[in-house]
Amino acid sequence: MSFEFDPSPFRQTIEKVIEIVKTISSTPNGMFVLPVDENVPMAVYPRTTNTPLDEIKEAIGGGWIELIYMKVGDDGVQMFGDEEGKIKRFPVNPRATALFLLSTPGVSEHIVGQVVILKGKAKAK
């Protein structure tokens, strides 16, 4: 039995994640909303003040908020998702998962549902 592996879907996701890293790195303060659907671009909202938790909750679709801290380039960022996303059987977010795995070596976790990423002065309050 032979098995052929096609890396092109992964390559496309990694290329999209590289663009996300560039966008986050070049934006000093901001809120970024990353949908599950890879064909929907990441929304970027420049911010100069803290982001209210209600706004984060609305952006991820409600539910309990889970904080995932990680580094993107040289910057510490906050990623938020639905704490119960896996229980609710939300789909895997390929870009958020790849971003998390690339920024957190040795971890083998997947991220589900739409996520919010905050950087700089946009951090949650």
PDB file of N, CA and C in Angstrom:
ATOM      1  N   MET A   1       0.847  -1.168   0.000  1.00  0.00           N
ATOM      2  CA  MET A   1       0.000   0.000   0.000  1.00  0.00           C
ATOM      3  C   MET A   1       0.894   1.233   0.000  1.00  0.00           C
ATOM      4  N   SER A   2       0.585   2.148  -0.890  1.00  0.00           N
ATOM      5  CA  SER A   2       1.387   3.367  -0.935  1.00  0.00           C
ATOM      6  C   SER A   2       0.548   4.546  -0.464  1.00  0.00           C
ATOM      7  N   PHE A   3       1.227   5.484   0.117  1.00  0.00           N
ATOM      8  CA  PHE A   3       0.553   6.668   0.651  1.00  0.00           C
ATOM      9  C   PHE A   3       1.232   7.902   0.073  1.00  0.00           C
ATOM     10  N   GLU A   4       0.436   8.753  -0.553  1.00  0.00           N
ATOM     11  CA  GLU A   4       0.977   9.996  -1.095  1.00  0.00           C
ATOM     12  C   GLU A   4       0.474  11.161  -0.260  1.00  0.00           C
ATOM     13  N   PHE A   5       1.405  11.981   0.133  1.00  0.00           N
ATOM     14  CA  PHE A   5       1.080  13.137   0.966  1.00  0.00           C
ATOM     15  C   PHE A   5       1.160  14.402   0.124  1.00  0.00           C
ATOM     16  N   ASP A   6       0.082  15.161   0.132  1.00  0.00           N
ATOM     17  CA  ASP A   6       0.051  16.424  -0.599  1.00  0.00           C
ATOM     18  C   ASP A   6       0.195  17.571   0.404  1.00  0.00           C
ATOM     19  N   PRO A   7       1.363  18.218   0.455  1.00  0.00           N
ATOM     20  CA  PRO A   7       1.580  19.283   1.443  1.00  0.00           C
ATOM     21  C   PRO A   7       0.975  20.629   1.049  1.00  0.00           C
ATOM     22  N   SER A   8       0.380  20.744  -0.140  1.00  0.00           N
ATOM     23  CA  SER A   8      -0.077  22.058  -0.607  1.00  0.00           C
ATOM     24  C   SER A   8      -1.095  22.733   0.312  1.00  0.00           C
ATOM     25  N   PRO A   9      -2.087  22.016   0.897  1.00  0.00           N
ATOM     26  CA  PRO A   9      -3.000  22.724   1.809  1.00  0.00           C
ATOM     27  C   PRO A   9      -2.267  23.315   3.018  1.00  0.00           C
ATOM     28  N   PHE A  10      -1.269  22.581   3.531  1.00  0.00           N
ATOM     29  CA  PHE A  10      -0.514  23.074   4.681  1.00  0.00           C
ATOM     30  C   PHE A  10       0.349  24.263   4.285  1.00  0.00           C
ATOM     31  N   ARG A  11       0.923  24.182   3.112  1.00  0.00           N
ATOM     32  CA  ARG A  11       1.754  25.277   2.613  1.00  0.00           C
ATOM     33  C   ARG A  11       0.926  26.553   2.494  1.00  0.00           C
ATOM     34  N   GLN A  12      -0.299  26.413   1.985  1.00  0.00           N
ATOM     35  CA  GLN A  12      -1.178  27.586   1.853  1.00  0.00           C
ATOM     36  C   GLN A  12      -1.517  28.176   3.222  1.00  0.00           C
ATOM     37  N   THR A  13      -1.798  27.313   4.192  1.00  0.00           N
ATOM     38  CA  THR A  13      -2.101  27.803   5.544  1.00  0.00           C
ATOM     39  C   THR A  13      -0.893  28.509   6.138  1.00  0.00           C
ATOM     40  N   ILE A  14       0.290  27.930   5.992  1.00  0.00           N
ATOM     41  CA  ILE A  14       1.506  28.552   6.527  1.00  0.00           C
ATOM     42  C   ILE A  14       1.755  29.891   5.857  1.00  0.00           C
ATOM     43  N   GLU A  15       1.537  29.976   4.548  1.00  0.00           N
ATOM     44  CA  GLU A  15       1.715  31.259   3.856  1.00  0.00           C
ATOM     45  C   GLU A  15       0.741  32.302   4.398  1.00  0.00           C
ATOM     46  N   LYS A  16      -0.491  31.894   4.683  1.00  0.00           N
ATOM     47  CA  LYS A  16      -1.476  32.818   5.254  1.00  0.00           C
ATOM     48  C   LYS A  16      -1.061  33.242   6.660  1.00  0.00           C
ATOM     49  N   VAL A  17      -0.512  32.309   7.428  1.00  0.00           N
ATOM     50  CA  VAL A  17      -0.066  32.633   8.790  1.00  0.00           C
ATOM     51  C   VAL A  17       1.111  33.607   8.746  1.00  0.00           C
ATOM     52  N   ILE A  18       1.994  33.446   7.784  1.00  0.00           N
ATOM     53  CA  ILE A  18       3.120  34.381   7.646  1.00  0.00           C
ATOM     54  C   ILE A  18       2.596  35.788   7.379  1.00  0.00           C
ATOM     55  N   GLU A  19       1.576  35.911   6.557  1.00  0.00           N
ATOM     56  CA  GLU A  19       0.956  37.231   6.304  1.00  0.00           C
ATOM     57  C   GLU A  19       0.319  37.787   7.578  1.00  0.00           C
ATOM     58  N   ILE A  20      -0.305  36.918   8.371  1.00  0.00           N
ATOM     59  CA  ILE A  20      -0.907  37.340   9.633  1.00  0.00           C
ATOM     60  C   ILE A  20       0.170  37.863  10.583  1.00  0.00           C
ATOM     61  N   VAL A  21       1.279  37.140  10.673  1.00  0.00           N
ATOM     62  CA  VAL A  21       2.391  37.571  11.533  1.00  0.00           C
ATOM     63  C   VAL A  21       2.909  38.929  11.082  1.00  0.00           C
ATOM     64  N   LYS A  22       3.063  39.119   9.788  1.00  0.00           N
ATOM     65  CA  LYS A  22       3.530  40.413   9.269  1.00  0.00           C
ATOM     66  C   LYS A  22       2.555  41.532   9.641  1.00  0.00           C
ATOM     67  N   THR A  23       1.263  41.271   9.490  1.00  0.00           N
ATOM     68  CA  THR A  23       0.248  42.283   9.811  1.00  0.00           C
ATOM     69  C   THR A  23       0.276  42.617  11.294  1.00  0.00           C
ATOM     70  N   ILE A  24       0.293  41.595  12.146  1.00  0.00           N
ATOM     71  CA  ILE A  24       0.309  41.834  13.591  1.00  0.00           C
ATOM     72  C   ILE A  24       1.593  42.558  13.988  1.00  0.00           C
ATOM     73  N   SER A  25       2.721  42.130  13.445  1.00  0.00           N
ATOM     74  CA  SER A  25       4.007  42.745  13.793  1.00  0.00           C
ATOM     75  C   SER A  25       4.088  44.204  13.368  1.00  0.00           C
ATOM     76  N   SER A  26       3.435  44.552  12.266  1.00  0.00           N
ATOM     77  CA  SER A  26       3.529  45.925  11.760  1.00  0.00           C
ATOM     78  C   SER A  26       2.455  46.860  12.338  1.00  0.00           C
ATOM     79  N   THR A  27       1.558  46.323  13.155  1.00  0.00           N
ATOM     80  CA  THR A  27       0.506  47.132  13.776  1.00  0.00           C
ATOM     81  C   THR A  27       0.838  47.283  15.256  1.00  0.00           C
ATOM     82  N   PRO A  28       1.202  48.496  15.712  1.00  0.00           N
ATOM     83  CA  PRO A  28       1.642  48.658  17.107  1.00  0.00           C
ATOM     84  C   PRO A  28       0.589  48.281  18.145  1.00  0.00           C
ATOM     85  N   ASN A  29      -0.660  48.664  17.907  1.00  0.00           N
ATOM     86  CA  ASN A  29      -1.740  48.392  18.851  1.00  0.00           C
ATOM     87  C   ASN A  29      -2.961  47.988  18.046  1.00  0.00           C
ATOM     88  N   GLY A  30      -3.530  46.835  18.367  1.00  0.00           N
ATOM     89  CA  GLY A  30      -4.690  46.459  17.577  1.00  0.00           C
ATOM     90  C   GLY A  30      -5.438  45.251  18.073  1.00  0.00           C
ATOM     91  N   MET A  31      -6.655  45.128  17.534  1.00  0.00           N
ATOM     92  CA  MET A  31      -7.492  43.953  17.732  1.00  0.00           C
ATOM     93  C   MET A  31      -7.637  43.284  16.370  1.00  0.00           C
ATOM     94  N   PHE A  32      -7.394  41.989  16.327  1.00  0.00           N
ATOM     95  CA  PHE A  32      -7.438  41.219  15.096  1.00  0.00           C
ATOM     96  C   PHE A  32      -8.457  40.093  15.284  1.00  0.00           C
ATOM     97  N   VAL A  33      -9.407  39.979  14.366  1.00  0.00           N
ATOM     98  CA  VAL A  33     -10.417  38.922  14.444  1.00  0.00           C
ATOM     99  C   VAL A  33     -10.119  37.924  13.335  1.00  0.00           C
ATOM    100  N   LEU A  34      -9.869  36.677  13.744  1.00  0.00           N
ATOM    101  CA  LEU A  34      -9.442  35.634  12.809  1.00  0.00           C
ATOM    102  C   LEU A  34     -10.527  34.567  12.694  1.00  0.00           C
ATOM    103  N   PRO A  35     -11.328  34.607  11.597  1.00  0.00           N
ATOM    104  CA  PRO A  35     -12.396  33.618  11.414  1.00  0.00           C
ATOM    105  C   PRO A  35     -11.854  32.222  11.121  1.00  0.00           C
ATOM    106  N   VAL A  36     -12.719  31.233  11.276  1.00  0.00           N
ATOM    107  CA  VAL A  36     -12.365  29.843  10.978  1.00  0.00           C
ATOM    108  C   VAL A  36     -12.120  29.666   9.482  1.00  0.00           C
ATOM    109  N   ASP A  37     -12.968  30.233   8.667  1.00  0.00           N
ATOM    110  CA  ASP A  37     -12.885  30.083   7.210  1.00  0.00           C
ATOM    111  C   ASP A  37     -11.626  30.781   6.690  1.00  0.00           C
ATOM    112  N   GLU A  38     -10.724  29.999   6.120  1.00  0.00           N
ATOM    113  CA  GLU A  38      -9.458  30.550   5.623  1.00  0.00           C
ATOM    114  C   GLU A  38      -9.636  31.502   4.440  1.00  0.00           C
ATOM    115  N   ASN A  39     -10.806  31.457   3.811  1.00  0.00           N
ATOM    116  CA  ASN A  39     -11.065  32.356   2.689  1.00  0.00           C
ATOM    117  C   ASN A  39     -11.552  33.730   3.133  1.00  0.00           C
ATOM    118  N   VAL A  40     -11.858  33.869   4.424  1.00  0.00           N
ATOM    119  CA  VAL A  40     -12.290  35.160   4.979  1.00  0.00           C
ATOM    120  C   VAL A  40     -11.064  35.824   5.596  1.00  0.00           C
ATOM    121  N   PRO A  41     -10.719  37.020   5.139  1.00  0.00           N
ATOM    122  CA  PRO A  41      -9.518  37.665   5.660  1.00  0.00           C
ATOM    123  C   PRO A  41      -9.649  38.056   7.131  1.00  0.00           C
ATOM    124  N   MET A  42      -8.502  38.160   7.776  1.00  0.00           N
ATOM    125  CA  MET A  42      -8.462  38.617   9.159  1.00  0.00           C
ATOM    126  C   MET A  42      -8.868  40.088   9.191  1.00  0.00           C
ATOM    127  N   ALA A  43      -9.749  40.438  10.115  1.00  0.00           N
ATOM    128  CA  ALA A  43     -10.157  41.837  10.283  1.00  0.00           C
ATOM    129  C   ALA A  43      -9.183  42.511  11.242  1.00  0.00           C
ATOM    130  N   VAL A  44      -8.772  43.720  10.908  1.00  0.00           N
ATOM    131  CA  VAL A  44      -7.810  44.469  11.718  1.00  0.00           C
ATOM    132  C   VAL A  44      -8.468  45.755  12.200  1.00  0.00           C
ATOM    133  N   TYR A  45      -8.443  45.948  13.518  1.00  0.00           N
ATOM    134  CA  TYR A  45      -9.007  47.151  14.134  1.00  0.00           C
ATOM    135  C   TYR A  45      -7.913  47.819  14.961  1.00  0.00           C
ATOM    136  N   PRO A  46      -7.269  48.888  14.440  1.00  0.00           N
ATOM    137  CA  PRO A  46      -6.257  49.588  15.239  1.00  0.00           C
ATOM    138  C   PRO A  46      -6.878  50.126  16.533  1.00  0.00           C
ATOM    139  N   ARG A  47      -6.159  50.028  17.623  1.00  0.00           N
ATOM    140  CA  ARG A  47      -6.662  50.472  18.920  1.00  0.00           C
ATOM    141  C   ARG A  47      -5.584  51.237  19.662  1.00  0.00           C
ATOM    142  N   THR A  48      -6.000  52.211  20.434  1.00  0.00           N
ATOM    143  CA  THR A  48      -5.061  52.918  21.307  1.00  0.00           C
ATOM    144  C   THR A  48      -5.507  52.829  22.757  1.00  0.00           C
ATOM    145  N   THR A  49      -6.579  52.085  23.010  1.00  0.00           N
ATOM    146  CA  THR A  49      -7.073  51.897  24.375  1.00  0.00           C
ATOM    147  C   THR A  49      -7.373  50.421  24.596  1.00  0.00           C
ATOM    148  N   ASN A  50      -7.581  50.069  25.845  1.00  0.00           N
ATOM    149  CA  ASN A  50      -7.925  48.688  26.187  1.00  0.00           C
ATOM    150  C   ASN A  50      -9.219  48.259  25.497  1.00  0.00           C
ATOM    151  N   THR A  51      -9.337  46.974  25.267  1.00  0.00           N
ATOM    152  CA  THR A  51     -10.519  46.415  24.613  1.00  0.00           C
ATOM    153  C   THR A  51     -11.424  45.803  25.682  1.00  0.00           C
ATOM    154  N   PRO A  52     -12.683  46.250  25.787  1.00  0.00           N
ATOM    155  CA  PRO A  52     -13.601  45.683  26.782  1.00  0.00           C
ATOM    156  C   PRO A  52     -13.867  44.199  26.526  1.00  0.00           C
ATOM    157  N   LEU A  53     -13.996  43.430  27.601  1.00  0.00           N
ATOM    158  CA  LEU A  53     -14.259  41.997  27.469  1.00  0.00           C
ATOM    159  C   LEU A  53     -15.557  41.718  26.728  1.00  0.00           C
ATOM    160  N   ASP A  54     -16.551  42.585  26.876  1.00  0.00           N
ATOM    161  CA  ASP A  54     -17.816  42.385  26.156  1.00  0.00           C
ATOM    162  C   ASP A  54     -17.595  42.394  24.641  1.00  0.00           C
ATOM    163  N   GLU A  55     -16.696  43.253  24.184  1.00  0.00           N
ATOM    164  CA  GLU A  55     -16.411  43.330  22.756  1.00  0.00           C
ATOM    165  C   GLU A  55     -15.696  42.063  22.274  1.00  0.00           C
ATOM    166  N   ILE A  56     -14.808  41.541  23.096  1.00  0.00           N
ATOM    167  CA  ILE A  56     -14.111  40.292  22.758  1.00  0.00           C
ATOM    168  C   ILE A  56     -15.118  39.144  22.713  1.00  0.00           C
ATOM    169  N   LYS A  57     -15.971  39.094  23.724  1.00  0.00           N
ATOM    170  CA  LYS A  57     -16.979  38.030  23.803  1.00  0.00           C
ATOM    171  C   LYS A  57     -17.885  38.049  22.572  1.00  0.00           C
ATOM    172  N   GLU A  58     -18.303  39.228  22.159  1.00  0.00           N
ATOM    173  CA  GLU A  58     -19.155  39.356  20.978  1.00  0.00           C
ATOM    174  C   GLU A  58     -18.421  38.888  19.717  1.00  0.00           C
ATOM    175  N   ALA A  59     -17.137  39.233  19.614  1.00  0.00           N
ATOM    176  CA  ALA A  59     -16.360  38.878  18.422  1.00  0.00           C
ATOM    177  C   ALA A  59     -16.123  37.380  18.299  1.00  0.00           C
ATOM    178  N   ILE A  60     -16.069  36.667  19.425  1.00  0.00           N
ATOM    179  CA  ILE A  60     -15.846  35.214  19.351  1.00  0.00           C
ATOM    180  C   ILE A  60     -17.158  34.440  19.329  1.00  0.00           C
ATOM    181  N   GLY A  61     -18.271  35.140  19.401  1.00  0.00           N
ATOM    182  CA  GLY A  61     -19.570  34.471  19.301  1.00  0.00           C
ATOM    183  C   GLY A  61     -20.203  34.134  20.627  1.00  0.00           C
ATOM    184  N   GLY A  62     -19.761  34.781  21.703  1.00  0.00           N
ATOM    185  CA  GLY A  62     -20.355  34.545  23.023  1.00  0.00           C
ATOM    186  C   GLY A  62     -19.641  33.445  23.775  1.00  0.00           C
ATOM    187  N   GLY A  63     -20.215  33.034  24.882  1.00  0.00           N
ATOM    188  CA  GLY A  63     -19.627  31.965  25.693  1.00  0.00           C
ATOM    189  C   GLY A  63     -18.559  32.478  26.642  1.00  0.00           C
ATOM    190  N   TRP A  64     -17.948  31.536  27.365  1.00  0.00           N
ATOM    191  CA  TRP A  64     -16.863  31.854  28.275  1.00  0.00           C
ATOM    192  C   TRP A  64     -15.626  32.207  27.465  1.00  0.00           C
ATOM    193  N   ILE A  65     -14.873  33.172  27.934  1.00  0.00           N
ATOM    194  CA  ILE A  65     -13.682  33.617  27.219  1.00  0.00           C
ATOM    195  C   ILE A  65     -12.454  32.878  27.739  1.00  0.00           C
ATOM    196  N   GLU A  66     -11.675  32.318  26.814  1.00  0.00           N
ATOM    197  CA  GLU A  66     -10.411  31.659  27.169  1.00  0.00           C
ATOM    198  C   GLU A  66      -9.258  32.509  26.656  1.00  0.00           C
ATOM    199  N   LEU A  67      -8.294  32.770  27.518  1.00  0.00           N
ATOM    200  CA  LEU A  67      -7.107  33.543  27.150  1.00  0.00           C
ATOM    201  C   LEU A  67      -5.970  32.585  26.829  1.00  0.00           C
ATOM    202  N   ILE A  68      -5.337  32.809  25.689  1.00  0.00           N
ATOM    203  CA  ILE A  68      -4.170  32.043  25.277  1.00  0.00           C
ATOM    204  C   ILE A  68      -3.067  33.066  25.037  1.00  0.00           C
ATOM    205  N   TYR A  69      -2.025  33.048  25.861  1.00  0.00           N
ATOM    206  CA  TYR A  69      -0.924  33.996  25.692  1.00  0.00           C
ATOM    207  C   TYR A  69       0.124  33.371  24.782  1.00  0.00           C
ATOM    208  N   MET A  70       0.652  34.155  23.854  1.00  0.00           N
ATOM    209  CA  MET A  70       1.691  33.647  22.956  1.00  0.00           C
ATOM    210  C   MET A  70       2.522  34.807  22.427  1.00  0.00           C
ATOM    211  N   LYS A  71       3.583  34.476  21.736  1.00  0.00           N
ATOM    212  CA  LYS A  71       4.437  35.491  21.116  1.00  0.00           C
ATOM    213  C   LYS A  71       4.257  35.435  19.604  1.00  0.00           C
ATOM    214  N   VAL A  72       4.214  36.604  18.994  1.00  0.00           N
ATOM    215  CA  VAL A  72       4.200  36.714  17.540  1.00  0.00           C
ATOM    216  C   VAL A  72       5.373  37.618  17.198  1.00  0.00           C
ATOM    217  N   GLY A  73       6.399  37.041  16.592  1.00  0.00           N
ATOM    218  CA  GLY A  73       7.626  37.801  16.382  1.00  0.00           C
ATOM    219  C   GLY A  73       8.218  38.108  17.747  1.00  0.00           C
ATOM    220  N   ASP A  74       8.508  39.374  18.006  1.00  0.00           N
ATOM    221  CA  ASP A  74       9.057  39.780  19.297  1.00  0.00           C
ATOM    222  C   ASP A  74       7.974  40.244  20.270  1.00  0.00           C
ATOM    223  N   ASP A  75       6.734  40.208  19.835  1.00  0.00           N
ATOM    224  CA  ASP A  75       5.639  40.774  20.619  1.00  0.00           C
ATOM    225  C   ASP A  75       4.831  39.715  21.356  1.00  0.00           C
ATOM    226  N   GLY A  76       4.517  39.999  22.618  1.00  0.00           N
ATOM    227  CA  GLY A  76       3.576  39.170  23.350  1.00  0.00           C
ATOM    228  C   GLY A  76       2.171  39.606  22.967  1.00  0.00           C
ATOM    229  N   VAL A  77       1.333  38.660  22.644  1.00  0.00           N
ATOM    230  CA  VAL A  77      -0.043  38.981  22.267  1.00  0.00           C
ATOM    231  C   VAL A  77      -0.991  38.110  23.074  1.00  0.00           C
ATOM    232  N   GLN A  78      -2.246  38.523  23.113  1.00  0.00           N
ATOM    233  CA  GLN A  78      -3.289  37.755  23.774  1.00  0.00           C
ATOM    234  C   GLN A  78      -4.223  37.222  22.698  1.00  0.00           C
ATOM    235  N   MET A  79      -4.469  35.900  22.724  1.00  0.00           N
ATOM    236  CA  MET A  79      -5.460  35.309  21.825  1.00  0.00           C
ATOM    237  C   MET A  79      -6.635  34.863  22.692  1.00  0.00           C
ATOM    238  N   PHE A  80      -7.832  35.160  22.233  1.00  0.00           N
ATOM    239  CA  PHE A  80      -9.034  34.785  22.968  1.00  0.00           C
ATOM    240  C   PHE A  80      -9.926  33.917  22.091  1.00  0.00           C
ATOM    241  N   GLY A  81     -10.477  32.891  22.702  1.00  0.00           N
ATOM    242  CA  GLY A  81     -11.447  32.041  22.026  1.00  0.00           C
ATOM    243  C   GLY A  81     -12.530  31.644  23.006  1.00  0.00           C
ATOM    244  N   ASP A  82     -13.459  30.833  22.552  1.00  0.00           N
ATOM    245  CA  ASP A  82     -14.532  30.339  23.406  1.00  0.00           C
ATOM    246  C   ASP A  82     -13.983  29.178  24.233  1.00  0.00           C
ATOM    247  N   GLU A  83     -14.020  29.322  25.549  1.00  0.00           N
ATOM    248  CA  GLU A  83     -13.508  28.307  26.480  1.00  0.00           C
ATOM    249  C   GLU A  83     -14.122  26.935  26.217  1.00  0.00           C
ATOM    250  N   GLU A  84     -15.375  26.906  25.812  1.00  0.00           N
ATOM    251  CA  GLU A  84     -16.083  25.642  25.595  1.00  0.00           C
ATOM    252  C   GLU A  84     -16.196  25.289  24.112  1.00  0.00           C
ATOM    253  N   GLY A  85     -15.356  25.898  23.290  1.00  0.00           N
ATOM    254  CA  GLY A  85     -15.421  25.679  21.851  1.00  0.00           C
ATOM    255  C   GLY A  85     -15.305  24.216  21.439  1.00  0.00           C
ATOM    256  N   LYS A  86     -14.438  23.467  22.110  1.00  0.00           N
ATOM    257  CA  LYS A  86     -14.274  22.047  21.765  1.00  0.00           C
ATOM    258  C   LYS A  86     -15.490  21.244  22.210  1.00  0.00           C
ATOM    259  N   ILE A  87     -16.036  21.585  23.372  1.00  0.00           N
ATOM    260  CA  ILE A  87     -17.236  20.903  23.854  1.00  0.00           C
ATOM    261  C   ILE A  87     -18.400  21.183  22.910  1.00  0.00           C
ATOM    262  N   LYS A  88     -18.463  22.420  22.408  1.00  0.00           N
ATOM    263  CA  LYS A  88     -19.523  22.819  21.479  1.00  0.00           C
ATOM    264  C   LYS A  88     -19.257  22.329  20.055  1.00  0.00           C
ATOM    265  N   ARG A  89     -18.121  21.648  19.875  1.00  0.00           N
ATOM    266  CA  ARG A  89     -17.722  21.084  18.580  1.00  0.00           C
ATOM    267  C   ARG A  89     -17.545  22.143  17.491  1.00  0.00           C
ATOM    268  N   PHE A  90     -16.949  23.267  17.888  1.00  0.00           N
ATOM    269  CA  PHE A  90     -16.606  24.284  16.897  1.00  0.00           C
ATOM    270  C   PHE A  90     -15.556  23.711  15.956  1.00  0.00           C
ATOM    271  N   PRO A  91     -15.543  24.147  14.716  1.00  0.00           N
ATOM    272  CA  PRO A  91     -14.521  23.661  13.790  1.00  0.00           C
ATOM    273  C   PRO A  91     -13.132  24.189  14.161  1.00  0.00           C
ATOM    274  N   VAL A  92     -12.136  23.429  13.771  1.00  0.00           N
ATOM    275  CA  VAL A  92     -10.748  23.851  13.983  1.00  0.00           C
ATOM    276  C   VAL A  92     -10.492  25.120  13.173  1.00  0.00           C
ATOM    277  N   ASN A  93      -9.787  26.056  13.778  1.00  0.00           N
ATOM    278  CA  ASN A  93      -9.376  27.272  13.091  1.00  0.00           C
ATOM    279  C   ASN A  93      -7.937  27.031  12.620  1.00  0.00           C
ATOM    280  N   PRO A  94      -7.736  26.687  11.332  1.00  0.00           N
ATOM    281  CA  PRO A  94      -6.400  26.299  10.864  1.00  0.00           C
ATOM    282  C   PRO A  94      -5.352  27.403  11.029  1.00  0.00           C
ATOM    283  N   ARG A  95      -5.724  28.633  10.737  1.00  0.00           N
ATOM    284  CA  ARG A  95      -4.742  29.727  10.849  1.00  0.00           C
ATOM    285  C   ARG A  95      -4.388  30.009  12.301  1.00  0.00           C
ATOM    286  N   ALA A  96      -5.384  30.018  13.192  1.00  0.00           N
ATOM    287  CA  ALA A  96      -5.110  30.260  14.614  1.00  0.00           C
ATOM    288  C   ALA A  96      -4.288  29.115  15.193  1.00  0.00           C
ATOM    289  N   THR A  97      -4.606  27.882  14.782  1.00  0.00           N
ATOM    290  CA  THR A  97      -3.853  26.726  15.265  1.00  0.00           C
ATOM    291  C   THR A  97      -2.402  26.794  14.791  1.00  0.00           C
ATOM    292  N   ALA A  98      -2.189  27.070  13.512  1.00  0.00           N
ATOM    293  CA  ALA A  98      -0.818  27.154  12.984  1.00  0.00           C
ATOM    294  C   ALA A  98      -0.050  28.274  13.666  1.00  0.00           C
ATOM    295  N   LEU A  99      -0.680  29.421  13.865  1.00  0.00           N
ATOM    296  CA  LEU A  99      -0.040  30.551  14.539  1.00  0.00           C
ATOM    297  C   LEU A  99       0.349  30.162  15.960  1.00  0.00           C
ATOM    298  N   PHE A 100      -0.560  29.506  16.670  1.00  0.00           N
ATOM    299  CA  PHE A 100      -0.281  29.069  18.042  1.00  0.00           C
ATOM    300  C   PHE A 100       0.848  28.049  18.083  1.00  0.00           C
ATOM    301  N   LEU A 101       0.809  27.050  17.210  1.00  0.00           N
ATOM    302  CA  LEU A 101       1.837  26.006  17.214  1.00  0.00           C
ATOM    303  C   LEU A 101       3.211  26.561  16.841  1.00  0.00           C
ATOM    304  N   LEU A 102       3.242  27.504  15.905  1.00  0.00           N
ATOM    305  CA  LEU A 102       4.521  28.110  15.512  1.00  0.00           C
ATOM    306  C   LEU A 102       5.099  28.997  16.615  1.00  0.00           C
ATOM    307  N   SER A 103       4.225  29.583  17.426  1.00  0.00           N
ATOM    308  CA  SER A 103       4.698  30.492  18.466  1.00  0.00           C
ATOM    309  C   SER A 103       4.907  29.790  19.811  1.00  0.00           C
ATOM    310  N   THR A 104       4.473  28.535  19.910  1.00  0.00           N
ATOM    311  CA  THR A 104       4.551  27.811  21.176  1.00  0.00           C
ATOM    312  C   THR A 104       5.131  26.418  20.925  1.00  0.00           C
ATOM    313  N   PRO A 105       6.448  26.319  20.728  1.00  0.00           N
ATOM    314  CA  PRO A 105       7.061  25.013  20.427  1.00  0.00           C
ATOM    315  C   PRO A 105       6.792  23.987  21.531  1.00  0.00           C
ATOM    316  N   GLY A 106       6.611  22.753  21.110  1.00  0.00           N
ATOM    317  CA  GLY A 106       6.416  21.654  22.050  1.00  0.00           C
ATOM    318  C   GLY A 106       4.971  21.447  22.471  1.00  0.00           C
ATOM    319  N   VAL A 107       4.075  22.282  22.006  1.00  0.00           N
ATOM    320  CA  VAL A 107       2.660  22.146  22.352  1.00  0.00           C
ATOM    321  C   VAL A 107       1.934  21.537  21.161  1.00  0.00           C
ATOM    322  N   SER A 108       1.009  20.630  21.431  1.00  0.00           N
ATOM    323  CA  SER A 108       0.253  20.010  20.337  1.00  0.00           C
ATOM    324  C   SER A 108      -1.240  20.188  20.583  1.00  0.00           C
ATOM    325  N   GLU A 109      -1.672  21.403  20.574  1.00  0.00           N
ATOM    326  CA  GLU A 109      -3.065  21.757  20.843  1.00  0.00           C
ATOM    327  C   GLU A 109      -3.653  22.399  19.595  1.00  0.00           C
ATOM    328  N   HIS A 110      -4.943  22.226  19.380  1.00  0.00           N
ATOM    329  CA  HIS A 110      -5.578  22.902  18.256  1.00  0.00           C
ATOM    330  C   HIS A 110      -6.563  23.950  18.783  1.00  0.00           C
ATOM    331  N   ILE A 111      -6.719  25.005  18.015  1.00  0.00           N
ATOM    332  CA  ILE A 111      -7.593  26.121  18.375  1.00  0.00           C
ATOM    333  C   ILE A 111      -8.869  25.994  17.544  1.00  0.00           C
ATOM    334  N   VAL A 112     -10.015  26.170  18.190  1.00  0.00           N
ATOM    335  CA  VAL A 112     -11.291  26.047  17.480  1.00  0.00           C
ATOM    336  C   VAL A 112     -12.054  27.368  17.525  1.00  0.00           C
ATOM    337  N   GLY A 113     -12.915  27.538  16.536  1.00  0.00           N
ATOM    338  CA  GLY A 113     -13.775  28.713  16.491  1.00  0.00           C
ATOM    339  C   GLY A 113     -13.046  29.988  16.100  1.00  0.00           C
ATOM    340  N   GLN A 114     -13.824  31.037  15.967  1.00  0.00           N
ATOM    341  CA  GLN A 114     -13.267  32.360  15.649  1.00  0.00           C
ATOM    342  C   GLN A 114     -12.500  32.860  16.864  1.00  0.00           C
ATOM    343  N   VAL A 115     -11.359  33.510  16.638  1.00  0.00           N
ATOM    344  CA  VAL A 115     -10.555  34.028  17.736  1.00  0.00           C
ATOM    345  C   VAL A 115     -10.304  35.517  17.561  1.00  0.00           C
ATOM    346  N   VAL A 116      -9.966  36.154  18.677  1.00  0.00           N
ATOM    347  CA  VAL A 116      -9.564  37.550  18.707  1.00  0.00           C
ATOM    348  C   VAL A 116      -8.124  37.583  19.209  1.00  0.00           C
ATOM    349  N   ILE A 117      -7.297  38.371  18.550  1.00  0.00           N
ATOM    350  CA  ILE A 117      -5.912  38.560  18.969  1.00  0.00           C
ATOM    351  C   ILE A 117      -5.748  40.032  19.322  1.00  0.00           C
ATOM    352  N   LEU A 118      -5.186  40.310  20.499  1.00  0.00           N
ATOM    353  CA  LEU A 118      -4.952  41.683  20.929  1.00  0.00           C
ATOM    354  C   LEU A 118      -3.464  41.913  21.109  1.00  0.00           C
ATOM    355  N   LYS A 119      -3.035  43.116  20.727  1.00  0.00           N
ATOM    356  CA  LYS A 119      -1.615  43.455  20.827  1.00  0.00           C
ATOM    357  C   LYS A 119      -1.478  44.883  21.331  1.00  0.00           C
ATOM    358  N   GLY A 120      -0.445  45.128  22.115  1.00  0.00           N
ATOM    359  CA  GLY A 120      -0.126  46.471  22.571  1.00  0.00           C
ATOM    360  C   GLY A 120      -1.183  47.054  23.487  1.00  0.00           C
ATOM    361  N   LYS A 121      -1.533  48.298  23.275  1.00  0.00           N
ATOM    362  CA  LYS A 121      -2.479  49.000  24.132  1.00  0.00           C
ATOM    363  C   LYS A 121      -3.903  48.487  23.978  1.00  0.00           C
ATOM    364  N   ALA A 122      -4.149  47.606  23.046  1.00  0.00           N
ATOM    365  CA  ALA A 122      -5.486  47.049  22.833  1.00  0.00           C
ATOM    366  C   ALA A 122      -5.800  45.921  23.823  1.00  0.00           C
ATOM    367  N   LYS A 123      -4.850  45.563  24.687  1.00  0.00           N
ATOM    368  CA  LYS A 123      -5.036  44.432  25.605  1.00  0.00           C
ATOM    369  C   LYS A 123      -6.355  44.521  26.352  1.00  0.00           C
ATOM    370  N   ALA A 124      -6.852  43.370  26.753  1.00  0.00           N
ATOM    371  CA  ALA A 124      -8.168  43.293  27.408  1.00  0.00           C
ATOM    372  C   ALA A 124      -8.157  43.971  28.770  1.00  0.00           C
ATOM    373  N   LYS A 125      -9.312  44.525  29.127  1.00  0.00           N
ATOM    374  CA  LYS A 125      -9.438  45.097  30.474  1.00  0.00           C
ATOM    375  C   LYS A 125     -10.654  44.524  31.164  1.00  0.00           C
TER     376      LYS A 125
END
